[in-house]
Amino acid sequence: MNQYMVEVQLPVYMSDAFIALIPRQRALINKWLQQGVVTSYSLALDRSKLWVTFNVNREEEVRLRLEQFPVAPFVDYTIFELAFSEVVDFSINTMSLN
C-alpha cells in the first residue's frame, strides 16, 4: 500500500447547497476511516482547507475516491504521495467480560 496526502481547497463562500452535503461527506469519510482507506481527515481552523490521508495502491484510486466526495463539484485538490505518515491510534479497545 502507498500513502497519499490530499490538500482540498474549500470554497471561500459556502453556499447552502455545499453545506447540505456536509453530513453525507462526513458519513463517507467515517466509512473509509473504519475501512482503513482514509487514515486521517483534518479541517483548517479557518475552514479553507481539508487534509485527507489515503492508504491505497495507486494515485488513480485516490482520484476515483475524491470523485465520490459529495462536495467534489465545489472543491479543488492536490495529491501528494508520501514517503510515510505516522499516526497515533487513540481508539478505545473493547472490554472483554470474561
N, C-alpha and C. Protein backbone atom coordinates (compact mmCIF):
# COMPACT_ATOMS: atom_id res chain seq x y z
N MET A 1 0.84 -1.19 0.00
CA MET A 1 0.00 0.00 0.00
C MET A 1 0.88 1.25 0.00
N ASN A 2 0.37 2.27 -0.64
CA ASN A 2 1.02 3.57 -0.65
C ASN A 2 0.16 4.57 0.10
N GLN A 3 0.79 5.63 0.56
CA GLN A 3 0.06 6.67 1.28
C GLN A 3 0.09 7.97 0.49
N TYR A 4 -1.04 8.64 0.48
CA TYR A 4 -1.18 9.90 -0.24
C TYR A 4 -1.85 10.91 0.67
N MET A 5 -1.35 12.14 0.63
CA MET A 5 -1.97 13.26 1.34
C MET A 5 -2.65 14.12 0.28
N VAL A 6 -3.90 14.44 0.54
CA VAL A 6 -4.65 15.30 -0.37
C VAL A 6 -4.96 16.59 0.35
N GLU A 7 -4.60 17.69 -0.29
CA GLU A 7 -4.95 19.01 0.21
C GLU A 7 -6.16 19.47 -0.59
N VAL A 8 -7.26 19.70 0.10
CA VAL A 8 -8.51 20.07 -0.55
C VAL A 8 -8.79 21.54 -0.26
N GLN A 9 -8.92 22.32 -1.31
CA GLN A 9 -9.23 23.75 -1.18
C GLN A 9 -10.75 23.91 -1.17
N LEU A 10 -11.28 24.37 -0.05
CA LEU A 10 -12.71 24.56 0.09
C LEU A 10 -13.13 25.91 -0.48
N PRO A 11 -14.41 26.05 -0.85
CA PRO A 11 -14.85 27.34 -1.39
C PRO A 11 -14.80 28.44 -0.34
N VAL A 12 -14.51 29.65 -0.78
CA VAL A 12 -14.47 30.80 0.12
C VAL A 12 -15.87 31.05 0.67
N TYR A 13 -16.86 31.00 -0.19
CA TYR A 13 -18.25 31.15 0.23
C TYR A 13 -18.90 29.77 0.23
N MET A 14 -19.38 29.33 1.37
CA MET A 14 -20.02 28.02 1.46
C MET A 14 -21.53 28.19 1.31
N SER A 15 -22.00 27.88 0.12
CA SER A 15 -23.42 28.03 -0.19
C SER A 15 -24.26 27.03 0.59
N ASP A 16 -25.57 27.25 0.59
CA ASP A 16 -26.48 26.30 1.23
C ASP A 16 -26.37 24.92 0.59
N ALA A 17 -26.16 24.88 -0.72
CA ALA A 17 -26.01 23.60 -1.42
C ALA A 17 -24.78 22.85 -0.92
N PHE A 18 -23.69 23.57 -0.72
CA PHE A 18 -22.47 22.95 -0.20
C PHE A 18 -22.69 22.46 1.23
N ILE A 19 -23.23 23.31 2.08
CA ILE A 19 -23.44 22.96 3.49
C ILE A 19 -24.36 21.75 3.62
N ALA A 20 -25.35 21.63 2.74
CA ALA A 20 -26.27 20.49 2.78
C ALA A 20 -25.57 19.16 2.51
N LEU A 21 -24.41 19.20 1.84
CA LEU A 21 -23.67 17.98 1.50
C LEU A 21 -22.74 17.52 2.62
N ILE A 22 -22.49 18.35 3.61
CA ILE A 22 -21.52 18.02 4.65
C ILE A 22 -21.86 16.75 5.42
N PRO A 23 -23.11 16.50 5.82
CA PRO A 23 -23.40 15.23 6.52
C PRO A 23 -23.07 14.00 5.67
N ARG A 24 -23.36 14.04 4.39
CA ARG A 24 -23.02 12.91 3.51
C ARG A 24 -21.51 12.77 3.37
N GLN A 25 -20.81 13.89 3.32
CA GLN A 25 -19.34 13.88 3.23
C GLN A 25 -18.76 13.21 4.47
N ARG A 26 -19.23 13.62 5.64
CA ARG A 26 -18.72 13.05 6.90
C ARG A 26 -19.03 11.56 7.00
N ALA A 27 -20.22 11.15 6.56
CA ALA A 27 -20.58 9.73 6.61
C ALA A 27 -19.67 8.90 5.73
N LEU A 28 -19.35 9.40 4.54
CA LEU A 28 -18.45 8.69 3.64
C LEU A 28 -17.05 8.59 4.24
N ILE A 29 -16.55 9.69 4.78
CA ILE A 29 -15.22 9.69 5.40
C ILE A 29 -15.19 8.73 6.58
N ASN A 30 -16.22 8.74 7.42
CA ASN A 30 -16.26 7.82 8.56
C ASN A 30 -16.23 6.37 8.10
N LYS A 31 -16.93 6.05 7.04
CA LYS A 31 -16.92 4.70 6.49
C LYS A 31 -15.50 4.32 6.04
N TRP A 32 -14.84 5.23 5.33
CA TRP A 32 -13.48 4.94 4.85
C TRP A 32 -12.48 4.89 5.99
N LEU A 33 -12.69 5.68 7.05
CA LEU A 33 -11.82 5.59 8.23
C LEU A 33 -11.95 4.21 8.86
N GLN A 34 -13.16 3.71 8.99
CA GLN A 34 -13.38 2.39 9.56
C GLN A 34 -12.75 1.29 8.70
N GLN A 35 -12.75 1.49 7.38
CA GLN A 35 -12.17 0.51 6.46
C GLN A 35 -10.65 0.63 6.37
N GLY A 36 -10.08 1.71 6.88
CA GLY A 36 -8.64 1.92 6.80
C GLY A 36 -8.17 2.54 5.49
N VAL A 37 -9.10 2.93 4.65
CA VAL A 37 -8.75 3.59 3.38
C VAL A 37 -8.29 5.02 3.64
N VAL A 38 -8.98 5.70 4.53
CA VAL A 38 -8.58 7.04 4.98
C VAL A 38 -7.99 6.86 6.37
N THR A 39 -6.82 7.45 6.59
CA THR A 39 -6.17 7.31 7.89
C THR A 39 -6.19 8.60 8.70
N SER A 40 -6.48 9.73 8.05
CA SER A 40 -6.67 10.98 8.77
C SER A 40 -7.50 11.93 7.93
N TYR A 41 -8.22 12.80 8.64
CA TYR A 41 -9.11 13.76 8.00
C TYR A 41 -9.10 15.00 8.87
N SER A 42 -8.58 16.11 8.35
CA SER A 42 -8.39 17.31 9.16
C SER A 42 -8.92 18.54 8.43
N LEU A 43 -9.49 19.46 9.21
CA LEU A 43 -10.04 20.70 8.69
C LEU A 43 -9.28 21.87 9.30
N ALA A 44 -8.84 22.80 8.47
CA ALA A 44 -8.16 24.01 8.95
C ALA A 44 -9.13 24.83 9.79
N LEU A 45 -8.61 25.49 10.82
CA LEU A 45 -9.42 26.29 11.71
C LEU A 45 -10.24 27.33 10.95
N ASP A 46 -9.67 27.91 9.90
CA ASP A 46 -10.39 28.93 9.13
C ASP A 46 -11.32 28.31 8.08
N ARG A 47 -11.41 26.97 8.07
CA ARG A 47 -12.28 26.20 7.18
C ARG A 47 -11.99 26.44 5.69
N SER A 48 -10.73 26.74 5.39
CA SER A 48 -10.35 26.97 4.00
C SER A 48 -9.83 25.71 3.33
N LYS A 49 -9.35 24.74 4.13
CA LYS A 49 -8.74 23.53 3.57
C LYS A 49 -9.07 22.31 4.40
N LEU A 50 -9.08 21.18 3.71
CA LEU A 50 -9.12 19.86 4.34
C LEU A 50 -7.82 19.17 3.98
N TRP A 51 -7.36 18.30 4.86
CA TRP A 51 -6.25 17.41 4.54
C TRP A 51 -6.73 15.99 4.80
N VAL A 52 -6.55 15.13 3.81
CA VAL A 52 -7.01 13.75 3.90
C VAL A 52 -5.85 12.85 3.54
N THR A 53 -5.58 11.85 4.38
CA THR A 53 -4.54 10.88 4.09
C THR A 53 -5.19 9.56 3.69
N PHE A 54 -4.81 9.06 2.51
CA PHE A 54 -5.34 7.82 1.97
C PHE A 54 -4.29 6.72 2.03
N ASN A 55 -4.72 5.51 2.24
CA ASN A 55 -3.87 4.32 2.22
C ASN A 55 -4.41 3.41 1.11
N VAL A 56 -3.85 3.55 -0.11
CA VAL A 56 -4.33 2.82 -1.29
C VAL A 56 -3.13 2.38 -2.13
N ASN A 57 -3.40 1.61 -3.18
CA ASN A 57 -2.32 1.10 -4.02
C ASN A 57 -1.77 2.11 -5.02
N ARG A 58 -2.67 2.90 -5.63
CA ARG A 58 -2.24 3.79 -6.70
C ARG A 58 -2.88 5.17 -6.57
N GLU A 59 -2.24 6.16 -7.14
CA GLU A 59 -2.79 7.52 -7.13
C GLU A 59 -4.16 7.57 -7.81
N GLU A 60 -4.34 6.75 -8.83
CA GLU A 60 -5.63 6.72 -9.53
C GLU A 60 -6.77 6.36 -8.57
N GLU A 61 -6.50 5.49 -7.60
CA GLU A 61 -7.52 5.13 -6.60
C GLU A 61 -7.90 6.34 -5.76
N VAL A 62 -6.93 7.19 -5.47
CA VAL A 62 -7.22 8.42 -4.72
C VAL A 62 -8.15 9.29 -5.55
N ARG A 63 -7.83 9.48 -6.82
CA ARG A 63 -8.66 10.31 -7.70
C ARG A 63 -10.08 9.77 -7.79
N LEU A 64 -10.21 8.45 -7.94
CA LEU A 64 -11.54 7.84 -8.02
C LEU A 64 -12.34 8.07 -6.74
N ARG A 65 -11.68 7.98 -5.61
CA ARG A 65 -12.37 8.21 -4.33
C ARG A 65 -12.72 9.68 -4.16
N LEU A 66 -11.85 10.58 -4.58
CA LEU A 66 -12.14 12.01 -4.48
C LEU A 66 -13.36 12.37 -5.32
N GLU A 67 -13.54 11.70 -6.45
CA GLU A 67 -14.71 11.94 -7.29
C GLU A 67 -16.00 11.51 -6.59
N GLN A 68 -15.89 10.62 -5.60
CA GLN A 68 -17.06 10.16 -4.85
C GLN A 68 -17.44 11.13 -3.72
N PHE A 69 -16.57 12.07 -3.40
CA PHE A 69 -16.89 13.05 -2.36
C PHE A 69 -18.17 13.78 -2.75
N PRO A 70 -19.15 13.84 -1.87
CA PRO A 70 -20.34 14.63 -2.17
C PRO A 70 -20.02 16.09 -2.48
N VAL A 71 -18.96 16.64 -1.86
CA VAL A 71 -18.60 18.05 -2.09
C VAL A 71 -17.68 18.24 -3.29
N ALA A 72 -17.38 17.19 -4.02
CA ALA A 72 -16.42 17.25 -5.13
C ALA A 72 -16.67 18.37 -6.13
N PRO A 73 -17.92 18.65 -6.52
CA PRO A 73 -18.13 19.72 -7.51
C PRO A 73 -17.73 21.11 -7.01
N PHE A 74 -17.54 21.27 -5.71
CA PHE A 74 -17.29 22.57 -5.12
C PHE A 74 -15.82 22.81 -4.75
N VAL A 75 -14.97 21.79 -4.88
CA VAL A 75 -13.60 21.90 -4.36
C VAL A 75 -12.55 21.63 -5.42
N ASP A 76 -11.34 22.08 -5.13
CA ASP A 76 -10.15 21.74 -5.90
C ASP A 76 -9.22 21.00 -4.96
N TYR A 77 -8.35 20.17 -5.51
CA TYR A 77 -7.45 19.41 -4.65
C TYR A 77 -6.11 19.17 -5.33
N THR A 78 -5.12 18.88 -4.48
CA THR A 78 -3.79 18.49 -4.93
C THR A 78 -3.41 17.23 -4.18
N ILE A 79 -2.85 16.25 -4.92
CA ILE A 79 -2.48 14.96 -4.34
C ILE A 79 -0.96 14.90 -4.20
N PHE A 80 -0.50 14.45 -3.04
CA PHE A 80 0.94 14.27 -2.78
C PHE A 80 1.16 12.83 -2.34
N GLU A 81 2.10 12.14 -2.98
CA GLU A 81 2.48 10.81 -2.48
C GLU A 81 3.44 10.99 -1.32
N LEU A 82 3.23 10.23 -0.26
CA LEU A 82 4.04 10.36 0.95
C LEU A 82 5.08 9.27 1.05
N ALA A 83 6.22 9.59 1.63
CA ALA A 83 7.21 8.57 1.96
C ALA A 83 6.72 7.77 3.16
N PHE A 84 6.09 8.47 4.12
CA PHE A 84 5.48 7.81 5.27
C PHE A 84 4.54 8.78 5.95
N SER A 85 3.66 8.24 6.76
CA SER A 85 2.77 9.02 7.60
C SER A 85 2.53 8.21 8.86
N GLU A 86 2.91 8.76 9.99
CA GLU A 86 2.73 8.05 11.25
C GLU A 86 1.61 8.72 12.03
N VAL A 87 0.73 7.91 12.60
CA VAL A 87 -0.37 8.43 13.40
C VAL A 87 -0.47 7.64 14.69
N VAL A 88 -0.98 8.27 15.71
CA VAL A 88 -1.21 7.61 16.98
C VAL A 88 -2.64 7.10 16.98
N ASP A 89 -2.83 5.86 17.39
CA ASP A 89 -4.16 5.28 17.45
C ASP A 89 -4.78 5.58 18.81
N PHE A 90 -5.79 6.44 18.80
CA PHE A 90 -6.47 6.81 20.05
C PHE A 90 -7.74 6.02 20.26
N SER A 91 -7.96 4.98 19.47
CA SER A 91 -9.21 4.22 19.61
C SER A 91 -9.24 3.52 20.95
N ILE A 92 -10.42 3.33 21.44
CA ILE A 92 -10.62 2.66 22.73
C ILE A 92 -10.87 1.19 22.46
N ASN A 93 -10.10 0.36 23.11
CA ASN A 93 -10.29 -1.09 22.97
C ASN A 93 -11.57 -1.52 23.62
N THR A 94 -12.23 -2.52 23.01
CA THR A 94 -13.46 -3.03 23.60
C THR A 94 -13.10 -3.89 24.79
N MET A 95 -13.93 -3.82 25.80
CA MET A 95 -13.68 -4.56 27.04
C MET A 95 -14.22 -5.99 26.92
N SER A 96 -13.46 -6.93 27.39
CA SER A 96 -13.89 -8.32 27.43
C SER A 96 -14.52 -8.60 28.79
N LEU A 97 -15.68 -9.23 28.80
CA LEU A 97 -16.36 -9.52 30.05
C LEU A 97 -16.08 -10.94 30.53
N ASN A 98 -14.98 -11.54 30.11
CA ASN A 98 -14.61 -12.90 30.53
C ASN A 98 -14.16 -12.93 31.96
